[in-house]
Protein backbone atom coordinates (compact mmCIF):
# COMPACT_ATOMS: atom_id res chain seq x y z
CA UNK A 1 -8.57 59.92 -45.98
CA UNK A 2 -10.36 56.93 -44.52
CA UNK A 3 -14.02 57.35 -43.59
CA UNK A 4 -14.61 56.64 -39.91
CA UNK A 5 -17.86 54.75 -39.55
CA UNK A 6 -18.33 55.10 -35.79
CA UNK A 7 -19.33 58.22 -33.91
CA UNK A 8 -17.78 57.42 -30.55
CA UNK A 9 -14.67 59.56 -30.09
CA UNK A 10 -12.86 57.14 -27.79
CA UNK A 11 -13.17 54.39 -30.42
CA UNK A 12 -11.93 56.46 -33.36
CA UNK A 13 -8.61 55.31 -34.79
CA UNK A 14 -6.81 56.77 -37.74
CA UNK A 15 -5.58 54.41 -40.47
CA UNK A 16 -1.98 54.83 -39.39
CA UNK A 17 -2.87 53.69 -35.87
CA UNK A 18 -4.64 50.52 -36.99
CA UNK A 19 -2.30 47.54 -36.85
CA UNK A 20 -4.21 45.64 -39.55
CA UNK A 21 -6.59 47.62 -41.73
CA UNK A 22 -8.94 46.37 -44.46
CA UNK A 23 -6.39 46.28 -47.33
CA UNK A 24 -3.87 44.46 -45.14
CA UNK A 25 -6.55 41.99 -44.09
CA UNK A 26 -7.29 41.25 -47.74
CA UNK A 27 -3.57 40.72 -48.38
CA UNK A 28 -3.42 38.31 -45.45
CA UNK A 29 -6.29 36.31 -46.93
CA UNK A 30 -4.26 35.98 -50.13
CA UNK A 31 -1.36 34.59 -48.12
CA UNK A 32 -3.76 32.23 -46.35
CA UNK A 33 -5.04 30.99 -49.71
CA UNK A 34 -1.58 29.62 -50.62
CA UNK A 35 -1.89 26.48 -48.42
CA UNK A 36 -5.45 26.07 -49.69
CA UNK A 37 -4.16 26.05 -53.26
CA UNK A 38 -1.48 23.53 -52.33
CA UNK A 39 -4.12 21.33 -50.71
CA UNK A 40 -6.46 21.62 -53.71
CA UNK A 41 -3.76 20.53 -56.18
CA UNK A 42 -2.34 17.76 -54.00
CA UNK A 43 -3.08 14.05 -54.44
CA UNK A 44 -4.73 14.08 -50.99
CA UNK A 45 -7.57 16.33 -52.15
CA UNK A 46 -10.74 14.43 -51.16
CA UNK A 47 -12.95 15.35 -54.14
CA UNK A 48 -11.21 13.91 -57.18
CA UNK A 49 -13.82 12.87 -59.69
CA UNK A 50 -14.55 12.67 -63.38
CA UNK A 51 -16.48 15.93 -63.20
CA UNK A 52 -13.36 17.96 -62.43
CA UNK A 53 -14.15 19.03 -58.90
CA UNK A 54 -10.47 19.30 -57.98
CA UNK A 55 -9.59 21.45 -61.00
CA UNK A 56 -12.56 23.75 -60.50
CA UNK A 57 -11.83 24.27 -56.79
CA UNK A 58 -8.14 24.99 -57.43
CA UNK A 59 -8.95 27.40 -60.28
CA UNK A 60 -11.53 29.21 -58.13
CA UNK A 61 -9.05 29.64 -55.28
CA UNK A 62 -6.43 31.09 -57.62
CA UNK A 63 -8.88 33.44 -59.37
CA UNK A 64 -10.19 34.81 -56.07
CA UNK A 65 -6.64 35.29 -54.79
CA UNK A 66 -5.73 37.12 -58.02
CA UNK A 67 -8.73 39.44 -57.61
CA UNK A 68 -7.58 40.38 -54.11
CA UNK A 69 -4.18 41.34 -55.57
CA UNK A 70 -5.73 44.37 -57.26
CA UNK A 71 -8.41 44.98 -54.66
CA UNK A 72 -6.10 45.54 -51.69
CA UNK A 73 -3.98 48.06 -53.58
CA UNK A 74 -7.06 49.94 -54.80
CA UNK A 75 -8.53 50.17 -51.30
CA UNK A 76 -5.22 51.18 -49.75
CA UNK A 77 -4.84 54.09 -52.17
CA UNK A 78 -8.43 55.33 -52.08
CA UNK A 79 -8.89 54.93 -48.31
CA UNK A 80 -5.52 56.47 -47.47
CA UNK A 81 -4.41 53.27 -45.73
CA UNK A 82 -1.00 52.68 -47.31
CA UNK A 83 1.14 51.25 -44.52
CA UNK A 84 4.62 49.79 -44.15
CA UNK A 85 3.07 46.43 -43.27
CA UNK A 86 1.03 46.49 -46.46
CA UNK A 87 4.06 47.36 -48.59
CA UNK A 88 5.84 44.37 -47.06
CA UNK A 89 2.98 41.86 -47.27
CA UNK A 90 1.66 42.65 -50.77
CA UNK A 91 4.73 41.60 -52.80
CA UNK A 92 5.32 38.70 -50.40
CA UNK A 93 1.80 37.40 -51.02
CA UNK A 94 2.25 37.73 -54.79
CA UNK A 95 5.54 35.82 -54.80
CA UNK A 96 4.17 33.06 -52.56
CA UNK A 97 1.09 32.56 -54.71
CA UNK A 98 2.92 32.59 -58.05
CA UNK A 99 5.76 30.37 -56.84
CA UNK A 100 3.39 27.83 -55.29
CA UNK A 101 1.18 27.73 -58.39
CA UNK A 102 4.02 27.08 -60.83
CA UNK A 103 5.78 24.49 -58.68
CA UNK A 104 2.50 22.63 -58.22
CA UNK A 105 1.58 22.78 -61.91
CA UNK A 106 4.95 21.37 -62.99
CA UNK A 107 3.97 18.21 -61.12
CA UNK A 108 0.22 18.46 -61.80
CA UNK A 109 0.29 18.99 -65.58
CA UNK A 110 3.89 18.51 -66.79
CA UNK A 111 2.83 18.10 -70.41
CA UNK A 112 2.00 21.81 -70.60
CA UNK A 113 3.84 23.46 -67.72
CA UNK A 114 7.50 22.72 -68.37
CA UNK A 115 10.05 23.12 -65.55
CA UNK A 116 12.10 25.70 -67.47
CA UNK A 117 9.02 27.92 -67.86
CA UNK A 118 8.38 27.79 -64.12
CA UNK A 119 12.02 28.61 -63.36
CA UNK A 120 11.92 31.50 -65.87
CA UNK A 121 8.78 33.08 -64.43
CA UNK A 122 9.79 32.60 -60.79
CA UNK A 123 13.27 33.98 -61.51
CA UNK A 124 11.71 36.99 -63.18
CA UNK A 125 9.57 37.67 -60.11
CA UNK A 126 12.58 37.65 -57.80
CA UNK A 127 14.60 39.77 -60.24
CA UNK A 128 11.92 42.47 -60.29
CA UNK A 129 11.64 42.33 -56.49
CA UNK A 130 15.40 42.77 -56.17
CA UNK A 131 15.44 45.73 -58.56
CA UNK A 132 12.61 47.38 -56.65
CA UNK A 133 14.39 46.85 -53.34
CA UNK A 134 17.58 48.45 -54.68
CA UNK A 135 15.56 51.30 -56.18
CA UNK A 136 13.83 51.90 -52.84
CA UNK A 137 17.16 52.03 -51.04
CA UNK A 138 18.36 54.59 -53.59
CA UNK A 139 15.34 56.79 -52.99
CA UNK A 140 13.20 56.17 -56.10
CA UNK A 141 10.52 53.73 -57.24
CA UNK A 142 9.89 51.67 -60.37
CA UNK A 143 6.24 51.75 -61.36
CA UNK A 144 4.58 48.70 -62.89
CA UNK A 145 4.66 48.99 -66.68
CA UNK A 146 1.88 48.09 -69.10
CA UNK A 147 3.92 45.07 -70.16
CA UNK A 148 4.08 43.89 -66.55
CA UNK A 149 0.32 44.27 -66.17
CA UNK A 150 -0.31 42.41 -69.43
CA UNK A 151 2.02 39.64 -68.28
CA UNK A 152 0.04 39.35 -65.03
CA UNK A 153 -3.25 38.94 -66.90
CA UNK A 154 -1.80 36.33 -69.27
CA UNK A 155 -0.24 34.57 -66.29
CA UNK A 156 -3.63 34.24 -64.57
CA UNK A 157 -5.17 32.85 -67.77
CA UNK A 158 -2.27 30.40 -68.20
CA UNK A 159 -2.42 29.05 -64.64
CA UNK A 160 -6.20 28.59 -64.73
CA UNK A 161 -6.12 27.00 -68.20
CA UNK A 162 -3.26 24.62 -67.32
CA UNK A 163 -5.16 23.58 -64.19
CA UNK A 164 -8.38 22.91 -66.11
CA UNK A 165 -6.50 21.13 -68.90
CA UNK A 166 -5.58 18.43 -66.40
CA UNK A 167 -9.20 17.23 -66.72
CA UNK A 168 -10.48 18.66 -70.02
CA UNK A 169 -8.98 19.08 -73.47
CA UNK A 170 -12.07 20.75 -74.93
CA UNK A 171 -15.18 22.44 -73.58
CA UNK A 172 -18.41 22.62 -75.56
CA UNK A 173 -20.63 25.66 -75.19
CA UNK A 174 -23.61 24.26 -77.03
CA UNK A 175 -22.22 23.38 -80.43
CA UNK A 176 -19.20 25.69 -80.15
CA UNK A 177 -15.96 23.91 -79.04
CA UNK A 178 -13.38 25.70 -76.84
CA UNK A 179 -9.95 24.08 -76.83
CA UNK A 180 -8.77 24.29 -73.23
CA UNK A 181 -5.44 22.73 -74.14
CA UNK A 182 -4.81 25.24 -76.93
CA UNK A 183 -5.56 28.14 -74.56
CA UNK A 184 -3.28 26.62 -71.90
CA UNK A 185 -0.34 26.09 -74.26
CA UNK A 186 -0.72 29.47 -76.00
CA UNK A 187 -1.10 31.42 -72.75
CA UNK A 188 1.83 29.59 -71.14
CA UNK A 189 4.29 30.42 -73.92
CA UNK A 190 3.00 33.97 -74.28
CA UNK A 191 3.52 34.34 -70.53
CA UNK A 192 7.12 33.15 -70.88
CA UNK A 193 7.78 35.62 -73.71
CA UNK A 194 6.17 38.50 -71.83
CA UNK A 195 8.14 37.58 -68.70
CA UNK A 196 11.42 38.05 -70.59
CA UNK A 197 10.31 41.29 -72.28
CA UNK A 198 8.85 42.83 -69.12
CA UNK A 199 11.94 41.87 -67.11
CA UNK A 200 14.12 43.63 -69.69
CA UNK A 201 11.76 46.63 -69.54
CA UNK A 202 12.05 46.77 -65.74
CA UNK A 203 15.84 46.54 -65.96
CA UNK A 204 16.05 49.36 -68.51
CA UNK A 205 13.81 51.55 -66.34
CA UNK A 206 15.90 50.70 -63.30
CA UNK A 207 19.16 51.46 -65.10
CA UNK A 208 17.88 54.81 -66.37
CA UNK A 209 16.81 55.78 -62.87
CA UNK A 210 20.11 54.70 -61.34
CA UNK A 211 22.05 56.54 -64.04
CA UNK A 212 19.99 59.68 -63.42
CA UNK A 213 20.56 59.46 -59.66
CA UNK A 214 24.30 58.84 -60.17
CA UNK A 215 24.52 61.82 -62.52
CA UNK A 216 22.85 64.05 -59.92
CA UNK A 217 25.25 62.81 -57.28
CA UNK A 218 28.24 63.48 -59.53
CA UNK A 219 27.00 67.01 -60.21
CA UNK A 220 26.44 67.61 -56.51
CA UNK A 221 29.95 66.34 -55.77
CA UNK A 222 31.49 68.62 -58.40
CA UNK A 223 29.57 71.63 -57.08
CA UNK A 224 30.64 70.78 -53.53
CA UNK A 225 34.31 70.63 -54.54
CA UNK A 226 34.01 73.95 -56.40
CA UNK A 227 32.47 75.60 -53.36
CA UNK A 228 35.29 74.31 -51.19
CA UNK A 229 37.86 75.73 -53.61
CA UNK A 230 36.15 79.13 -53.48
CA UNK A 231 35.68 79.16 -49.73
CA UNK A 232 39.24 78.12 -48.81
CA UNK A 233 41.01 81.15 -50.42
CA UNK A 234 38.47 83.50 -48.82
CA UNK A 235 39.11 81.96 -45.40
CA UNK A 236 42.85 82.21 -45.94
CA UNK A 237 42.57 85.87 -46.96
CA UNK A 238 40.47 86.69 -43.91
CA UNK A 239 42.96 84.96 -41.61
CA UNK A 240 45.80 86.97 -43.15
CA UNK A 241 43.91 90.22 -42.57
CA UNK A 242 43.39 89.37 -38.91
CA UNK A 243 47.07 88.48 -38.27
CA UNK A 244 48.75 91.22 -36.15
CA UNK A 245 51.67 93.01 -37.81
CA UNK A 246 54.88 93.19 -35.72
CA UNK A 247 57.21 96.26 -36.06
CA UNK A 248 60.89 95.61 -35.52
CA UNK A 249 61.48 98.97 -33.86
CA UNK A 250 58.82 98.55 -31.26
CA UNK A 251 59.65 96.01 -28.60
CA UNK A 252 56.56 96.39 -26.54
CA UNK A 253 54.82 98.93 -24.34
CA UNK A 254 57.02 101.96 -23.59
CA UNK A 255 57.77 102.59 -20.00
CA UNK A 256 58.10 106.06 -18.54
């Protein structure tokens, strides 16, 4: 249950009555960050220098947007503010952010982010969304697997590293070198592999659920047909018992 912070009764509103609550507001900020990311990775970005201002700004926007992806769901569950609007906006915001990031990076750093990788990851996102929509219409849900969560983490690392690799190949922390390009390439291909595996995992989970639901429906249909077969003879027997018996010798009511 949400905690109401005001003590005035006429201002109290339950979470279900609020058109846009805190989790939904956070989701809306993630949607609003998509044009900011596009602007930050575009050639028209005003701060393009040798110090990597453009790459740092774009990476910061994406990291903050990724943090809100987990924050809005956590708040919605713990504050009891899960709404239909939130269930609609949350996956929409995720797809917009991921699709925009990969399309932009194909043009921004094509040496690392290949077009086929972007198509693979974006296609996987829409495949999972389609499976979840079908599952919802059938009356069950597909929970996010550990593989899907791992893929999300690797995806965040890949996008940030590919963005930074546009300016730097190596960072030096004192005397210790960190290969930004190696991290970008490794994370990108691991993300592609995990996208395929997690998509197959989602499909197997979806198929098992659908098969289970279909099996229940078949059993219910068989039981329904059996009940009809039992009920029909009983109804026929009762109708026969209630049918009046006519005697040939009696033509009607005797008259005196």
